[in-house]
All heavy atoms as atom14 arrays in JSON, in Angstrom:
{
  "sequence": "NFQRSLSIMLLKFFVDTAALPYWLYLSKIQHTSVSVQYYCATEEFC",
  "atom14_mask": [
    [1, 1, 1, 1, 1, 1, 1, 1, 0, 0, 0, 0, 0, 0],
    [1, 1, 1, 1, 1, 1, 1, 1, 1, 1, 1, 0, 0, 0],
    [1, 1, 1, 1, 1, 1, 1, 1, 1, 0, 0, 0, 0, 0],
    [1, 1, 1, 1, 1, 1, 1, 1, 1, 1, 1, 0, 0, 0],
    [1, 1, 1, 1, 1, 1, 0, 0, 0, 0, 0, 0, 0, 0],
    [1, 1, 1, 1, 1, 1, 1, 1, 0, 0, 0, 0, 0, 0],
    [1, 1, 1, 1, 1, 1, 0, 0, 0, 0, 0, 0, 0, 0],
    [1, 1, 1, 1, 1, 1, 1, 1, 0, 0, 0, 0, 0, 0],
    [1, 1, 1, 1, 1, 1, 1, 1, 0, 0, 0, 0, 0, 0],
    [1, 1, 1, 1, 1, 1, 1, 1, 0, 0, 0, 0, 0, 0],
    [1, 1, 1, 1, 1, 1, 1, 1, 0, 0, 0, 0, 0, 0],
    [1, 1, 1, 1, 1, 1, 1, 1, 1, 0, 0, 0, 0, 0],
    [1, 1, 1, 1, 1, 1, 1, 1, 1, 1, 1, 0, 0, 0],
    [1, 1, 1, 1, 1, 1, 1, 1, 1, 1, 1, 0, 0, 0],
    [1, 1, 1, 1, 1, 1, 1, 0, 0, 0, 0, 0, 0, 0],
    [1, 1, 1, 1, 1, 1, 1, 1, 0, 0, 0, 0, 0, 0],
    [1, 1, 1, 1, 1, 1, 1, 0, 0, 0, 0, 0, 0, 0],
    [1, 1, 1, 1, 1, 0, 0, 0, 0, 0, 0, 0, 0, 0],
    [1, 1, 1, 1, 1, 0, 0, 0, 0, 0, 0, 0, 0, 0],
    [1, 1, 1, 1, 1, 1, 1, 1, 0, 0, 0, 0, 0, 0],
    [1, 1, 1, 1, 1, 1, 1, 0, 0, 0, 0, 0, 0, 0],
    [1, 1, 1, 1, 1, 1, 1, 1, 1, 1, 1, 1, 0, 0],
    [1, 1, 1, 1, 1, 1, 1, 1, 1, 1, 1, 1, 1, 1],
    [1, 1, 1, 1, 1, 1, 1, 1, 0, 0, 0, 0, 0, 0],
    [1, 1, 1, 1, 1, 1, 1, 1, 1, 1, 1, 1, 0, 0],
    [1, 1, 1, 1, 1, 1, 1, 1, 0, 0, 0, 0, 0, 0],
    [1, 1, 1, 1, 1, 1, 0, 0, 0, 0, 0, 0, 0, 0],
    [1, 1, 1, 1, 1, 1, 1, 1, 1, 0, 0, 0, 0, 0],
    [1, 1, 1, 1, 1, 1, 1, 1, 0, 0, 0, 0, 0, 0],
    [1, 1, 1, 1, 1, 1, 1, 1, 1, 0, 0, 0, 0, 0],
    [1, 1, 1, 1, 1, 1, 1, 1, 1, 1, 0, 0, 0, 0],
    [1, 1, 1, 1, 1, 1, 1, 0, 0, 0, 0, 0, 0, 0],
    [1, 1, 1, 1, 1, 1, 0, 0, 0, 0, 0, 0, 0, 0],
    [1, 1, 1, 1, 1, 1, 1, 0, 0, 0, 0, 0, 0, 0],
    [1, 1, 1, 1, 1, 1, 0, 0, 0, 0, 0, 0, 0, 0],
    [1, 1, 1, 1, 1, 1, 1, 0, 0, 0, 0, 0, 0, 0],
    [1, 1, 1, 1, 1, 1, 1, 1, 1, 0, 0, 0, 0, 0],
    [1, 1, 1, 1, 1, 1, 1, 1, 1, 1, 1, 1, 0, 0],
    [1, 1, 1, 1, 1, 1, 1, 1, 1, 1, 1, 1, 0, 0],
    [1, 1, 1, 1, 1, 1, 0, 0, 0, 0, 0, 0, 0, 0],
    [1, 1, 1, 1, 1, 0, 0, 0, 0, 0, 0, 0, 0, 0],
    [1, 1, 1, 1, 1, 1, 1, 0, 0, 0, 0, 0, 0, 0],
    [1, 1, 1, 1, 1, 1, 1, 1, 1, 0, 0, 0, 0, 0],
    [1, 1, 1, 1, 1, 1, 1, 1, 1, 0, 0, 0, 0, 0],
    [1, 1, 1, 1, 1, 1, 1, 1, 1, 1, 1, 0, 0, 0],
    [1, 1, 1, 1, 1, 1, 0, 0, 0, 0, 0, 0, 0, 0]
  ],
  "atom14_positions": [
    [[-10.2, -17.1, -18.71], [-10.07, -17.71, -17.4], [-9.85, -16.67, -16.3], [-10.2, -16.91, -15.13], [-8.9, -18.7, -17.41], [-8.85, -19.58, -16.19], [-9.86, -20.12, -15.76], [-7.68, -19.73, -15.61], [0.0, 0.0, 0.0], [0.0, 0.0, 0.0], [0.0, 0.0, 0.0], [0.0, 0.0, 0.0], [0.0, 0.0, 0.0], [0.0, 0.0, 0.0]],
    [[-9.26, -15.53, -16.65], [-9.01, -14.44, -15.69], [-9.84, -13.2, -16.01], [-9.46, -12.09, -15.62], [-7.52, -14.08, -15.7], [-6.62, -15.16, -15.19], [-6.14, -16.14, -16.03], [-6.25, -15.19, -13.86], [-5.3, -17.14, -15.57], [-5.4, -16.18, -13.38], [-4.93, -17.16, -14.24], [0.0, 0.0, 0.0], [0.0, 0.0, 0.0], [0.0, 0.0, 0.0]],
    [[-10.94, -13.38, -16.69], [-11.7, -12.25, -17.21], [-12.19, -11.31, -16.1], [-12.12, -10.09, -16.24], [-12.89, -12.75, -18.03], [-13.68, -11.64, -18.72], [-14.74, -12.21, -19.64], [-14.99, -13.41, -19.65], [-15.38, -11.35, -20.4], [0.0, 0.0, 0.0], [0.0, 0.0, 0.0], [0.0, 0.0, 0.0], [0.0, 0.0, 0.0], [0.0, 0.0, 0.0]],
    [[-12.69, -11.86, -15.03], [-13.26, -11.04, -13.95], [-12.23, -10.7, -12.87], [-12.19, -9.58, -12.37], [-14.46, -11.75, -13.33], [-15.63, -11.9, -14.28], [-16.75, -12.74, -13.67], [-17.87, -12.86, -14.58], [-17.97, -13.76, -15.54], [-16.98, -14.62, -15.72], [-19.02, -13.8, -16.34], [0.0, 0.0, 0.0], [0.0, 0.0, 0.0], [0.0, 0.0, 0.0]],
    [[-11.42, -11.66, -12.51], [-10.52, -11.45, -11.37], [-9.35, -10.53, -11.71], [-8.88, -9.78, -10.85], [-10.0, -12.8, -10.87], [-9.27, -13.47, -11.89], [0.0, 0.0, 0.0], [0.0, 0.0, 0.0], [0.0, 0.0, 0.0], [0.0, 0.0, 0.0], [0.0, 0.0, 0.0], [0.0, 0.0, 0.0], [0.0, 0.0, 0.0], [0.0, 0.0, 0.0]],
    [[-8.87, -10.56, -12.97], [-7.67, -9.81, -13.3], [-7.9, -8.3, -13.18], [-7.05, -7.57, -12.65], [-7.21, -10.16, -14.71], [-5.84, -9.62, -15.14], [-4.76, -10.07, -14.18], [-5.52, -10.06, -16.57], [0.0, 0.0, 0.0], [0.0, 0.0, 0.0], [0.0, 0.0, 0.0], [0.0, 0.0, 0.0], [0.0, 0.0, 0.0], [0.0, 0.0, 0.0]],
    [[-9.06, -7.82, -13.63], [-9.33, -6.39, -13.56], [-9.46, -5.9, -12.12], [-8.94, -4.84, -11.75], [-10.59, -6.06, -14.35], [-11.69, -6.82, -13.88], [0.0, 0.0, 0.0], [0.0, 0.0, 0.0], [0.0, 0.0, 0.0], [0.0, 0.0, 0.0], [0.0, 0.0, 0.0], [0.0, 0.0, 0.0], [0.0, 0.0, 0.0], [0.0, 0.0, 0.0]],
    [[-10.14, -6.69, -11.27], [-10.31, -6.25, -9.88], [-9.0, -6.38, -9.1], [-8.74, -5.6, -8.18], [-11.46, -7.03, -9.21], [-11.89, -6.32, -7.92], [-11.06, -8.46, -8.9], [-13.17, -6.85, -7.34], [0.0, 0.0, 0.0], [0.0, 0.0, 0.0], [0.0, 0.0, 0.0], [0.0, 0.0, 0.0], [0.0, 0.0, 0.0], [0.0, 0.0, 0.0]],
    [[-8.14, -7.33, -9.48], [-6.83, -7.4, -8.84], [-5.97, -6.19, -9.22], [-5.25, -5.65, -8.36], [-6.12, -8.71, -9.23], [-6.66, -9.93, -8.51], [-5.63, -11.42, -8.73], [-5.84, -11.74, -10.48], [0.0, 0.0, 0.0], [0.0, 0.0, 0.0], [0.0, 0.0, 0.0], [0.0, 0.0, 0.0], [0.0, 0.0, 0.0], [0.0, 0.0, 0.0]],
    [[-6.04, -5.77, -10.47], [-5.31, -4.56, -10.87], [-5.83, -3.34, -10.11], [-5.05, -2.46, -9.71], [-5.44, -4.35, -12.38], [-4.68, -5.33, -13.27], [-4.98, -5.06, -14.73], [-3.18, -5.24, -13.02], [0.0, 0.0, 0.0], [0.0, 0.0, 0.0], [0.0, 0.0, 0.0], [0.0, 0.0, 0.0], [0.0, 0.0, 0.0], [0.0, 0.0, 0.0]],
    [[-7.16, -3.27, -9.92], [-7.73, -2.17, -9.15], [-7.22, -2.2, -7.71], [-6.89, -1.15, -7.13], [-9.26, -2.26, -9.17], [-10.02, -1.23, -8.34], [-9.73, 0.18, -8.83], [-11.52, -1.51, -8.37], [0.0, 0.0, 0.0], [0.0, 0.0, 0.0], [0.0, 0.0, 0.0], [0.0, 0.0, 0.0], [0.0, 0.0, 0.0], [0.0, 0.0, 0.0]],
    [[-7.15, -3.4, -7.12], [-6.64, -3.52, -5.75], [-5.17, -3.1, -5.67], [-4.77, -2.4, -4.73], [-6.79, -4.97, -5.28], [-6.22, -5.24, -3.89], [-6.96, -4.46, -2.83], [-6.54, -4.84, -1.42], [-5.14, -4.54, -1.13], [0.0, 0.0, 0.0], [0.0, 0.0, 0.0], [0.0, 0.0, 0.0], [0.0, 0.0, 0.0], [0.0, 0.0, 0.0]],
    [[-4.37, -3.49, -6.65], [-2.97, -3.08, -6.66], [-2.84, -1.56, -6.78], [-1.97, -0.95, -6.15], [-2.22, -3.75, -7.8], [-1.99, -5.21, -7.59], [-2.04, -6.1, -8.65], [-1.72, -5.71, -6.33], [-1.83, -7.45, -8.45], [-1.51, -7.06, -6.11], [-1.56, -7.93, -7.18], [0.0, 0.0, 0.0], [0.0, 0.0, 0.0], [0.0, 0.0, 0.0]],
    [[-3.71, -0.96, -7.59], [-3.66, 0.5, -7.75], [-4.01, 1.2, -6.45], [-3.34, 2.16, -6.04], [-4.62, 0.93, -8.86], [-4.6, 2.4, -9.13], [-3.58, 2.96, -9.88], [-5.59, 3.23, -8.63], [-3.54, 4.32, -10.12], [-5.57, 4.59, -8.87], [-4.53, 5.14, -9.61], [0.0, 0.0, 0.0], [0.0, 0.0, 0.0], [0.0, 0.0, 0.0]],
    [[-5.06, 0.72, -5.77], [-5.45, 1.32, -4.48], [-4.32, 1.14, -3.46], [-3.98, 2.07, -2.71], [-6.76, 0.7, -3.97], [-7.09, 1.2, -2.57], [-7.91, 1.02, -4.91], [0.0, 0.0, 0.0], [0.0, 0.0, 0.0], [0.0, 0.0, 0.0], [0.0, 0.0, 0.0], [0.0, 0.0, 0.0], [0.0, 0.0, 0.0], [0.0, 0.0, 0.0]],
    [[-3.72, -0.05, -3.43], [-2.63, -0.31, -2.48], [-1.43, 0.59, -2.73], [-0.91, 1.23, -1.8], [-2.2, -1.78, -2.56], [-3.11, -2.69, -1.75], [-3.78, -2.18, -0.85], [-3.14, -3.9, -2.03], [0.0, 0.0, 0.0], [0.0, 0.0, 0.0], [0.0, 0.0, 0.0], [0.0, 0.0, 0.0], [0.0, 0.0, 0.0], [0.0, 0.0, 0.0]],
    [[-0.97, 0.6, -3.96], [0.25, 1.35, -4.26], [0.06, 2.85, -4.14], [1.03, 3.59, -3.92], [0.74, 1.02, -5.68], [-0.34, 1.21, -6.62], [1.23, -0.41, -5.78], [0.0, 0.0, 0.0], [0.0, 0.0, 0.0], [0.0, 0.0, 0.0], [0.0, 0.0, 0.0], [0.0, 0.0, 0.0], [0.0, 0.0, 0.0], [0.0, 0.0, 0.0]],
    [[-1.19, 3.32, -4.28], [-1.45, 4.75, -4.08], [-1.66, 5.09, -2.61], [-1.3, 6.19, -2.16], [-2.68, 5.17, -4.89], [0.0, 0.0, 0.0], [0.0, 0.0, 0.0], [0.0, 0.0, 0.0], [0.0, 0.0, 0.0], [0.0, 0.0, 0.0], [0.0, 0.0, 0.0], [0.0, 0.0, 0.0], [0.0, 0.0, 0.0], [0.0, 0.0, 0.0]],
    [[-2.21, 4.15, -1.82], [-2.52, 4.44, -0.42], [-1.33, 4.22, 0.51], [-1.17, 4.94, 1.5], [-3.7, 3.58, 0.03], [0.0, 0.0, 0.0], [0.0, 0.0, 0.0], [0.0, 0.0, 0.0], [0.0, 0.0, 0.0], [0.0, 0.0, 0.0], [0.0, 0.0, 0.0], [0.0, 0.0, 0.0], [0.0, 0.0, 0.0], [0.0, 0.0, 0.0]],
    [[-0.5, 3.22, 0.22], [0.6, 2.89, 1.14], [1.6, 4.03, 1.32], [2.01, 4.31, 2.46], [1.31, 1.62, 0.67], [0.53, 0.32, 0.91], [1.16, -0.84, 0.15], [0.47, 0.0, 2.4], [0.0, 0.0, 0.0], [0.0, 0.0, 0.0], [0.0, 0.0, 0.0], [0.0, 0.0, 0.0], [0.0, 0.0, 0.0], [0.0, 0.0, 0.0]],
    [[2.04, 4.72, 0.25], [2.91, 5.89, 0.49], [2.22, 6.99, 1.29], [2.87, 7.69, 2.07], [3.25, 6.37, -0.93], [3.09, 5.17, -1.79], [1.95, 4.43, -1.19], [0.0, 0.0, 0.0], [0.0, 0.0, 0.0], [0.0, 0.0, 0.0], [0.0, 0.0, 0.0], [0.0, 0.0, 0.0], [0.0, 0.0, 0.0], [0.0, 0.0, 0.0]],
    [[0.89, 7.11, 1.11], [0.15, 8.08, 1.91], [0.17, 7.7, 3.39], [0.35, 8.55, 4.26], [-1.29, 8.18, 1.39], [-2.18, 9.08, 2.21], [-2.07, 10.46, 2.12], [-3.14, 8.54, 3.06], [-2.88, 11.29, 2.87], [-3.96, 9.37, 3.81], [-3.83, 10.74, 3.71], [-4.65, 11.56, 4.46], [0.0, 0.0, 0.0], [0.0, 0.0, 0.0]],
    [[0.0, 6.38, 3.68], [0.08, 5.93, 5.07], [1.49, 6.15, 5.63], [1.66, 6.5, 6.81], [-0.27, 4.45, 5.17], [-1.69, 4.12, 4.92], [-2.18, 3.32, 3.93], [-2.83, 4.58, 5.65], [-3.55, 3.26, 4.0], [-3.97, 4.01, 5.05], [-3.0, 5.4, 6.76], [-5.26, 4.25, 5.51], [-4.28, 5.65, 7.22], [-5.39, 5.08, 6.61]],
    [[2.49, 5.93, 4.8], [3.87, 6.14, 5.23], [4.11, 7.61, 5.58], [4.75, 7.94, 6.59], [4.82, 5.69, 4.13], [6.32, 5.78, 4.41], [6.7, 4.92, 5.61], [7.11, 5.36, 3.18], [0.0, 0.0, 0.0], [0.0, 0.0, 0.0], [0.0, 0.0, 0.0], [0.0, 0.0, 0.0], [0.0, 0.0, 0.0], [0.0, 0.0, 0.0]],
    [[3.54, 8.5, 4.77], [3.66, 9.94, 5.03], [2.96, 10.31, 6.34], [3.52, 11.05, 7.16], [3.06, 10.71, 3.86], [2.81, 12.17, 4.13], [3.85, 13.09, 4.15], [1.51, 12.62, 4.4], [3.61, 14.43, 4.41], [1.26, 13.95, 4.65], [2.31, 14.85, 4.67], [2.07, 16.18, 4.94], [0.0, 0.0, 0.0], [0.0, 0.0, 0.0]],
    [[1.74, 9.79, 6.56], [1.03, 10.07, 7.79], [1.78, 9.54, 9.01], [1.82, 10.17, 10.07], [-0.37, 9.44, 7.75], [-1.43, 10.12, 6.9], [-2.76, 9.41, 7.07], [-1.58, 11.58, 7.24], [0.0, 0.0, 0.0], [0.0, 0.0, 0.0], [0.0, 0.0, 0.0], [0.0, 0.0, 0.0], [0.0, 0.0, 0.0], [0.0, 0.0, 0.0]],
    [[2.37, 8.36, 8.87], [3.11, 7.78, 9.99], [4.31, 8.64, 10.37], [4.65, 8.76, 11.55], [3.57, 6.36, 9.62], [4.31, 5.79, 10.66], [0.0, 0.0, 0.0], [0.0, 0.0, 0.0], [0.0, 0.0, 0.0], [0.0, 0.0, 0.0], [0.0, 0.0, 0.0], [0.0, 0.0, 0.0], [0.0, 0.0, 0.0], [0.0, 0.0, 0.0]],
    [[4.94, 9.25, 9.37], [6.11, 10.09, 9.65], [5.71, 11.39, 10.33], [6.35, 11.83, 11.29], [6.88, 10.36, 8.36], [7.8, 9.22, 7.93], [8.67, 9.64, 6.78], [9.76, 8.59, 6.54], [10.72, 8.51, 7.67], [0.0, 0.0, 0.0], [0.0, 0.0, 0.0], [0.0, 0.0, 0.0], [0.0, 0.0, 0.0], [0.0, 0.0, 0.0]],
    [[4.65, 12.04, 9.84], [4.28, 13.33, 10.42], [3.6, 13.17, 11.77], [3.61, 14.08, 12.6], [3.37, 14.13, 9.47], [2.03, 13.43, 9.27], [4.06, 14.39, 8.14], [1.03, 14.27, 8.49], [0.0, 0.0, 0.0], [0.0, 0.0, 0.0], [0.0, 0.0, 0.0], [0.0, 0.0, 0.0], [0.0, 0.0, 0.0], [0.0, 0.0, 0.0]],
    [[3.02, 11.98, 12.04], [2.39, 11.74, 13.33], [3.34, 11.07, 14.32], [2.98, 10.86, 15.48], [1.15, 10.87, 13.16], [0.03, 11.53, 12.38], [-1.17, 10.61, 12.19], [-1.24, 9.55, 12.8], [-2.1, 11.01, 11.34], [0.0, 0.0, 0.0], [0.0, 0.0, 0.0], [0.0, 0.0, 0.0], [0.0, 0.0, 0.0], [0.0, 0.0, 0.0]],
    [[4.55, 10.7, 13.83], [5.59, 10.09, 14.68], [5.08, 8.82, 15.36], [5.25, 8.61, 16.56], [6.07, 11.09, 15.74], [6.57, 12.38, 15.17], [7.75, 12.48, 14.47], [6.01, 13.63, 15.16], [7.93, 13.73, 14.08], [6.89, 14.44, 14.48], [0.0, 0.0, 0.0], [0.0, 0.0, 0.0], [0.0, 0.0, 0.0], [0.0, 0.0, 0.0]],
    [[4.44, 7.97, 14.55], [3.98, 6.68, 15.07], [5.12, 5.68, 15.04], [6.27, 6.02, 14.73], [2.79, 6.18, 14.26], [3.16, 6.1, 12.88], [1.59, 7.12, 14.38], [0.0, 0.0, 0.0], [0.0, 0.0, 0.0], [0.0, 0.0, 0.0], [0.0, 0.0, 0.0], [0.0, 0.0, 0.0], [0.0, 0.0, 0.0], [0.0, 0.0, 0.0]],
    [[4.8, 4.43, 15.3], [5.82, 3.39, 15.41], [6.57, 3.21, 14.09], [6.0, 3.31, 13.0], [5.17, 2.07, 15.82], [6.12, 1.02, 15.8], [0.0, 0.0, 0.0], [0.0, 0.0, 0.0], [0.0, 0.0, 0.0], [0.0, 0.0, 0.0], [0.0, 0.0, 0.0], [0.0, 0.0, 0.0], [0.0, 0.0, 0.0], [0.0, 0.0, 0.0]],
    [[7.88, 2.95, 14.22], [8.7, 2.72, 13.03], [8.27, 1.45, 12.3], [8.41, 1.34, 11.09], [10.18, 2.65, 13.43], [11.07, 2.41, 12.21], [10.61, 3.92, 14.14], [0.0, 0.0, 0.0], [0.0, 0.0, 0.0], [0.0, 0.0, 0.0], [0.0, 0.0, 0.0], [0.0, 0.0, 0.0], [0.0, 0.0, 0.0], [0.0, 0.0, 0.0]],
    [[7.71, 0.49, 13.02], [7.28, -0.76, 12.4], [6.19, -0.53, 11.36], [6.12, -1.24, 10.36], [6.78, -1.73, 13.47], [5.66, -1.2, 14.16], [0.0, 0.0, 0.0], [0.0, 0.0, 0.0], [0.0, 0.0, 0.0], [0.0, 0.0, 0.0], [0.0, 0.0, 0.0], [0.0, 0.0, 0.0], [0.0, 0.0, 0.0], [0.0, 0.0, 0.0]],
    [[5.34, 0.47, 11.59], [4.3, 0.81, 10.61], [4.94, 1.32, 9.32], [4.52, 0.96, 8.21], [3.33, 1.86, 11.19], [2.29, 2.28, 10.15], [2.63, 1.31, 12.43], [0.0, 0.0, 0.0], [0.0, 0.0, 0.0], [0.0, 0.0, 0.0], [0.0, 0.0, 0.0], [0.0, 0.0, 0.0], [0.0, 0.0, 0.0], [0.0, 0.0, 0.0]],
    [[5.96, 2.13, 9.46], [6.65, 2.65, 8.28], [7.36, 1.54, 7.52], [7.34, 1.5, 6.28], [7.65, 3.73, 8.71], [7.01, 4.9, 9.44], [8.04, 5.86, 9.98], [9.19, 5.89, 9.54], [7.64, 6.67, 10.97], [0.0, 0.0, 0.0], [0.0, 0.0, 0.0], [0.0, 0.0, 0.0], [0.0, 0.0, 0.0], [0.0, 0.0, 0.0]],
    [[7.97, 0.6, 8.24], [8.62, -0.53, 7.59], [7.6, -1.37, 6.83], [7.86, -1.82, 5.7], [9.32, -1.4, 8.63], [10.6, -0.82, 9.18], [11.15, -1.28, 10.37], [11.27, 0.19, 8.5], [12.33, -0.75, 10.88], [12.44, 0.72, 9.0], [12.96, 0.27, 10.18], [14.12, 0.8, 10.68], [0.0, 0.0, 0.0], [0.0, 0.0, 0.0]],
    [[6.44, -1.58, 7.46], [5.41, -2.4, 6.81], [4.9, -1.73, 5.53], [4.75, -2.39, 4.5], [4.25, -2.65, 7.76], [3.15, -3.49, 7.13], [3.27, -4.87, 7.05], [2.03, -2.88, 6.58], [2.3, -5.63, 6.46], [1.04, -3.65, 5.98], [1.18, -5.02, 5.93], [0.2, -5.76, 5.32], [0.0, 0.0, 0.0], [0.0, 0.0, 0.0]],
    [[4.63, -0.43, 5.59], [4.13, 0.29, 4.4], [5.15, 0.25, 3.26], [4.79, -0.01, 2.11], [3.8, 1.73, 4.77], [2.37, 1.92, 5.85], [0.0, 0.0, 0.0], [0.0, 0.0, 0.0], [0.0, 0.0, 0.0], [0.0, 0.0, 0.0], [0.0, 0.0, 0.0], [0.0, 0.0, 0.0], [0.0, 0.0, 0.0], [0.0, 0.0, 0.0]],
    [[6.42, 0.49, 3.6], [7.45, 0.49, 2.56], [7.64, -0.9, 1.96], [7.78, -1.06, 0.74], [8.76, 1.01, 3.14], [0.0, 0.0, 0.0], [0.0, 0.0, 0.0], [0.0, 0.0, 0.0], [0.0, 0.0, 0.0], [0.0, 0.0, 0.0], [0.0, 0.0, 0.0], [0.0, 0.0, 0.0], [0.0, 0.0, 0.0], [0.0, 0.0, 0.0]],
    [[7.62, -1.93, 2.82], [7.82, -3.29, 2.33], [6.66, -3.74, 1.46], [6.86, -4.35, 0.41], [7.98, -4.26, 3.53], [9.06, -3.82, 4.34], [8.26, -5.67, 3.04], [0.0, 0.0, 0.0], [0.0, 0.0, 0.0], [0.0, 0.0, 0.0], [0.0, 0.0, 0.0], [0.0, 0.0, 0.0], [0.0, 0.0, 0.0], [0.0, 0.0, 0.0]],
    [[5.43, -3.47, 1.89], [4.28, -3.89, 1.09], [4.22, -3.14, -0.23], [3.85, -3.72, -1.26], [2.99, -3.66, 1.87], [1.78, -4.25, 1.16], [0.51, -4.18, 1.98], [0.55, -3.62, 3.1], [-0.52, -4.67, 1.5], [0.0, 0.0, 0.0], [0.0, 0.0, 0.0], [0.0, 0.0, 0.0], [0.0, 0.0, 0.0], [0.0, 0.0, 0.0]],
    [[4.6, -1.87, -0.23], [4.64, -1.11, -1.49], [5.63, -1.74, -2.47], [5.32, -1.92, -3.66], [5.04, 0.34, -1.2], [5.16, 1.23, -2.42], [3.83, 1.65, -2.98], [2.79, 1.36, -2.35], [3.81, 2.27, -4.06], [0.0, 0.0, 0.0], [0.0, 0.0, 0.0], [0.0, 0.0, 0.0], [0.0, 0.0, 0.0], [0.0, 0.0, 0.0]],
    [[6.8, -2.12, -1.97], [7.8, -2.77, -2.83], [7.28, -4.1, -3.36], [7.43, -4.41, -4.56], [9.08, -2.99, -2.02], [10.1, -3.84, -2.71], [10.87, -3.34, -3.75], [10.29, -5.18, -2.34], [11.81, -4.14, -4.4], [11.21, -5.97, -2.98], [11.99, -5.46, -4.01], [0.0, 0.0, 0.0], [0.0, 0.0, 0.0], [0.0, 0.0, 0.0]],
    [[6.65, -4.91, -2.51], [6.14, -6.22, -2.93], [5.02, -6.08, -3.97], [4.97, -6.85, -4.93], [5.65, -7.01, -1.72], [6.97, -7.52, -0.6], [0.0, 0.0, 0.0], [0.0, 0.0, 0.0], [0.0, 0.0, 0.0], [0.0, 0.0, 0.0], [0.0, 0.0, 0.0], [0.0, 0.0, 0.0], [0.0, 0.0, 0.0], [0.0, 0.0, 0.0]]
  ]
}
């Protein structure tokens, strides 16, 4: 029942969890809005 969707969802989670800390790092070194950093950290945790 989850043959096709489960693998692509795992791929999406892998891309998210690998990219969000990178976005958080960029936000810190570029001194962008703190709300962006909060969003990246919260979504990574979720």
